[in-house]
N, C-alpha and C. Protein backbone atom coordinates (compact mmCIF):
# COMPACT_ATOMS: atom_id res chain seq x y z
N MET A 1 119.43 113.83 94.18
CA MET A 1 119.22 114.90 93.23
C MET A 1 120.57 115.54 92.93
N ARG A 2 120.98 115.45 91.68
CA ARG A 2 122.29 115.94 91.31
C ARG A 2 122.26 117.12 90.36
N THR A 3 121.12 117.40 89.80
CA THR A 3 121.04 118.45 88.78
C THR A 3 119.96 119.46 89.13
N ARG A 4 120.12 120.66 88.61
CA ARG A 4 119.11 121.70 88.81
C ARG A 4 118.04 121.68 87.74
N TRP A 5 118.24 120.86 86.72
CA TRP A 5 117.31 120.80 85.60
C TRP A 5 115.98 120.19 86.05
N PRO A 6 114.85 120.87 85.80
CA PRO A 6 113.54 120.35 86.24
C PRO A 6 113.00 119.27 85.31
N TRP A 7 113.66 118.14 85.26
CA TRP A 7 113.31 117.12 84.29
C TRP A 7 112.01 116.40 84.61
N ILE A 8 111.62 116.32 85.87
CA ILE A 8 110.40 115.59 86.23
C ILE A 8 109.17 116.31 85.68
N SER A 9 109.05 117.60 85.98
CA SER A 9 107.88 118.33 85.51
C SER A 9 107.91 118.53 84.00
N MET A 10 109.09 118.62 83.41
CA MET A 10 109.15 118.74 81.96
C MET A 10 108.70 117.44 81.29
N LEU A 11 109.08 116.31 81.87
CA LEU A 11 108.66 115.02 81.32
C LEU A 11 107.14 114.85 81.46
N VAL A 12 106.59 115.22 82.60
CA VAL A 12 105.14 115.12 82.80
C VAL A 12 104.40 116.05 81.83
N SER A 13 104.91 117.26 81.64
CA SER A 13 104.29 118.19 80.69
C SER A 13 104.32 117.64 79.27
N LEU A 14 105.43 117.04 78.90
CA LEU A 14 105.55 116.46 77.57
C LEU A 14 104.57 115.30 77.39
N ILE A 15 104.45 114.45 78.39
CA ILE A 15 103.52 113.33 78.31
C ILE A 15 102.08 113.82 78.23
N LEU A 16 101.73 114.84 79.03
CA LEU A 16 100.37 115.37 79.00
C LEU A 16 100.05 116.05 77.67
N THR A 17 101.03 116.67 77.08
CA THR A 17 100.79 117.36 75.81
C THR A 17 100.72 116.40 74.64
N LEU A 18 101.52 115.35 74.67
CA LEU A 18 101.61 114.45 73.52
C LEU A 18 100.70 113.24 73.59
N ASN A 19 99.87 113.12 74.62
CA ASN A 19 98.91 112.03 74.61
C ASN A 19 97.74 112.42 73.69
N PRO A 20 96.88 111.48 73.32
CA PRO A 20 95.80 111.82 72.36
C PRO A 20 94.89 112.95 72.83
N PHE A 21 94.57 113.00 74.11
CA PHE A 21 93.69 114.07 74.61
C PHE A 21 94.40 115.43 74.52
N GLY A 22 95.68 115.47 74.87
CA GLY A 22 96.43 116.72 74.79
C GLY A 22 96.58 117.21 73.36
N LEU A 23 96.81 116.28 72.44
CA LEU A 23 96.92 116.66 71.04
C LEU A 23 95.60 117.18 70.49
N GLU A 24 94.49 116.62 70.94
CA GLU A 24 93.18 117.13 70.52
C GLU A 24 92.95 118.55 71.02
N ILE A 25 93.38 118.84 72.24
CA ILE A 25 93.24 120.21 72.76
C ILE A 25 94.09 121.18 71.93
N VAL A 26 95.31 120.79 71.62
CA VAL A 26 96.18 121.66 70.81
C VAL A 26 95.59 121.86 69.42
N LYS A 27 95.10 120.80 68.80
CA LYS A 27 94.49 120.93 67.47
C LYS A 27 93.25 121.82 67.51
N ALA A 28 92.40 121.63 68.53
CA ALA A 28 91.19 122.44 68.63
C ALA A 28 91.50 123.90 68.94
N ALA A 29 92.57 124.15 69.68
CA ALA A 29 92.89 125.51 70.08
C ALA A 29 93.58 126.31 68.98
N PHE A 30 94.41 125.65 68.19
CA PHE A 30 95.25 126.41 67.26
C PHE A 30 95.08 126.03 65.79
N PHE A 31 94.57 124.84 65.50
CA PHE A 31 94.51 124.40 64.11
C PHE A 31 93.09 124.07 63.64
N ALA A 32 92.08 124.42 64.41
CA ALA A 32 90.70 124.11 64.03
C ALA A 32 90.27 125.01 62.87
N GLY A 33 89.40 124.48 62.04
CA GLY A 33 88.88 125.25 60.93
C GLY A 33 87.83 126.26 61.33
N GLU A 34 87.20 126.05 62.46
CA GLU A 34 86.13 126.94 62.91
C GLU A 34 86.68 127.95 63.91
N ALA A 35 86.30 129.18 63.74
CA ALA A 35 86.74 130.25 64.65
C ALA A 35 86.15 130.06 66.04
N LEU A 36 84.94 129.53 66.12
CA LEU A 36 84.30 129.32 67.42
C LEU A 36 85.09 128.33 68.25
N SER A 37 85.53 127.24 67.63
CA SER A 37 86.32 126.24 68.35
C SER A 37 87.65 126.82 68.81
N ARG A 38 88.30 127.58 67.94
CA ARG A 38 89.57 128.20 68.33
C ARG A 38 89.38 129.19 69.46
N SER A 39 88.30 129.98 69.41
CA SER A 39 88.10 130.99 70.45
C SER A 39 87.71 130.36 71.79
N ILE A 40 87.14 129.19 71.77
CA ILE A 40 86.80 128.50 73.03
C ILE A 40 88.03 127.81 73.60
N TRP A 41 88.76 127.08 72.77
CA TRP A 41 89.85 126.24 73.26
C TRP A 41 91.17 126.97 73.45
N ALA A 42 91.39 128.08 72.74
CA ALA A 42 92.68 128.78 72.85
C ALA A 42 92.96 129.27 74.26
N PRO A 43 92.03 129.95 74.95
CA PRO A 43 92.34 130.36 76.33
C PRO A 43 92.55 129.19 77.28
N ILE A 44 91.82 128.11 77.05
CA ILE A 44 91.99 126.92 77.90
C ILE A 44 93.38 126.34 77.69
N ALA A 45 93.79 126.20 76.44
CA ALA A 45 95.12 125.64 76.15
C ALA A 45 96.22 126.54 76.66
N LEU A 46 96.08 127.84 76.49
CA LEU A 46 97.11 128.76 76.97
C LEU A 46 97.20 128.75 78.50
N THR A 47 96.07 128.59 79.17
CA THR A 47 96.08 128.48 80.63
C THR A 47 96.79 127.21 81.07
N ILE A 48 96.53 126.11 80.39
CA ILE A 48 97.20 124.85 80.71
C ILE A 48 98.71 124.98 80.50
N PHE A 49 99.12 125.61 79.39
CA PHE A 49 100.55 125.82 79.13
C PHE A 49 101.17 126.70 80.20
N ALA A 50 100.45 127.74 80.63
CA ALA A 50 100.98 128.63 81.67
C ALA A 50 101.15 127.89 83.00
N VAL A 51 100.19 127.04 83.35
CA VAL A 51 100.29 126.26 84.58
C VAL A 51 101.48 125.31 84.51
N MET A 52 101.67 124.68 83.35
CA MET A 52 102.82 123.78 83.21
C MET A 52 104.13 124.55 83.33
N ALA A 53 104.18 125.75 82.77
CA ALA A 53 105.39 126.56 82.87
C ALA A 53 105.67 126.98 84.31
N VAL A 54 104.62 127.31 85.06
CA VAL A 54 104.80 127.68 86.47
C VAL A 54 105.29 126.48 87.28
N VAL A 55 104.76 125.30 87.01
CA VAL A 55 105.21 124.10 87.71
C VAL A 55 106.68 123.81 87.41
N ILE A 56 107.08 123.97 86.16
CA ILE A 56 108.49 123.77 85.80
C ILE A 56 109.36 124.78 86.53
N LEU A 57 108.94 126.04 86.57
CA LEU A 57 109.70 127.07 87.27
C LEU A 57 109.80 126.78 88.76
N LEU A 58 108.69 126.33 89.37
CA LEU A 58 108.72 125.99 90.80
C LEU A 58 109.66 124.83 91.08
N GLU A 59 109.63 123.81 90.22
CA GLU A 59 110.55 122.69 90.44
C GLU A 59 112.00 123.15 90.34
N TRP A 60 112.28 124.00 89.37
CA TRP A 60 113.63 124.51 89.21
C TRP A 60 114.07 125.31 90.44
N LEU A 61 113.19 126.17 90.96
CA LEU A 61 113.53 126.96 92.15
C LEU A 61 113.72 126.08 93.39
N ILE A 62 112.89 125.07 93.53
CA ILE A 62 113.02 124.15 94.67
C ILE A 62 114.33 123.38 94.58
N ARG A 63 114.69 122.94 93.37
CA ARG A 63 115.95 122.23 93.21
C ARG A 63 117.14 123.12 93.52
N ILE A 64 117.09 124.38 93.09
CA ILE A 64 118.17 125.31 93.42
C ILE A 64 118.26 125.50 94.93
N TYR A 65 117.14 125.66 95.60
CA TYR A 65 117.13 125.84 97.05
C TYR A 65 117.72 124.63 97.77
N ILE A 66 117.30 123.44 97.36
CA ILE A 66 117.80 122.23 98.01
C ILE A 66 119.29 122.05 97.78
N LEU A 67 119.73 122.26 96.54
CA LEU A 67 121.16 122.10 96.25
C LEU A 67 122.00 123.14 96.97
N ASN A 68 121.51 124.36 97.10
CA ASN A 68 122.24 125.38 97.84
C ASN A 68 122.32 125.04 99.33
N ARG A 69 121.26 124.48 99.88
CA ARG A 69 121.30 124.05 101.28
C ARG A 69 122.30 122.94 101.48
N ARG A 70 122.35 122.00 100.54
CA ARG A 70 123.32 120.91 100.65
C ARG A 70 124.75 121.43 100.55
N ASP A 71 124.96 122.39 99.68
CA ASP A 71 126.31 122.95 99.51
C ASP A 71 126.79 123.64 100.79
N ARG A 72 125.87 124.27 101.51
CA ARG A 72 126.23 124.94 102.77
C ARG A 72 126.44 123.95 103.89
N GLY A 73 125.89 122.76 103.75
CA GLY A 73 126.03 121.75 104.79
C GLY A 73 125.01 121.91 105.90
N ALA A 74 123.87 122.49 105.61
CA ALA A 74 122.83 122.66 106.61
C ALA A 74 122.20 121.32 106.97
N THR A 75 121.89 121.15 108.24
CA THR A 75 121.25 119.92 108.68
C THR A 75 119.77 120.17 108.90
N THR A 76 118.99 119.11 108.85
CA THR A 76 117.55 119.25 109.03
C THR A 76 117.14 118.92 110.47
N ALA A 77 118.06 118.44 111.27
CA ALA A 77 117.72 118.03 112.64
C ALA A 77 117.80 119.19 113.60
């Protein structure tokens, strides 16, 4: 691990959002013609986006922690 950038979780989030099922959720939540569909799917989609953002943040924090430990020269034994 050489970078602090959370590329793994960002790549997984991108794949989950851009697959056909993810695109259908986004369309139903934000671009549907019916208000009922938007009101049902919008909280679900926003919750999914929030979970993905938390996972990205956690990966970033874990990477910072690991890289800082390596910089100090801490051993695990």
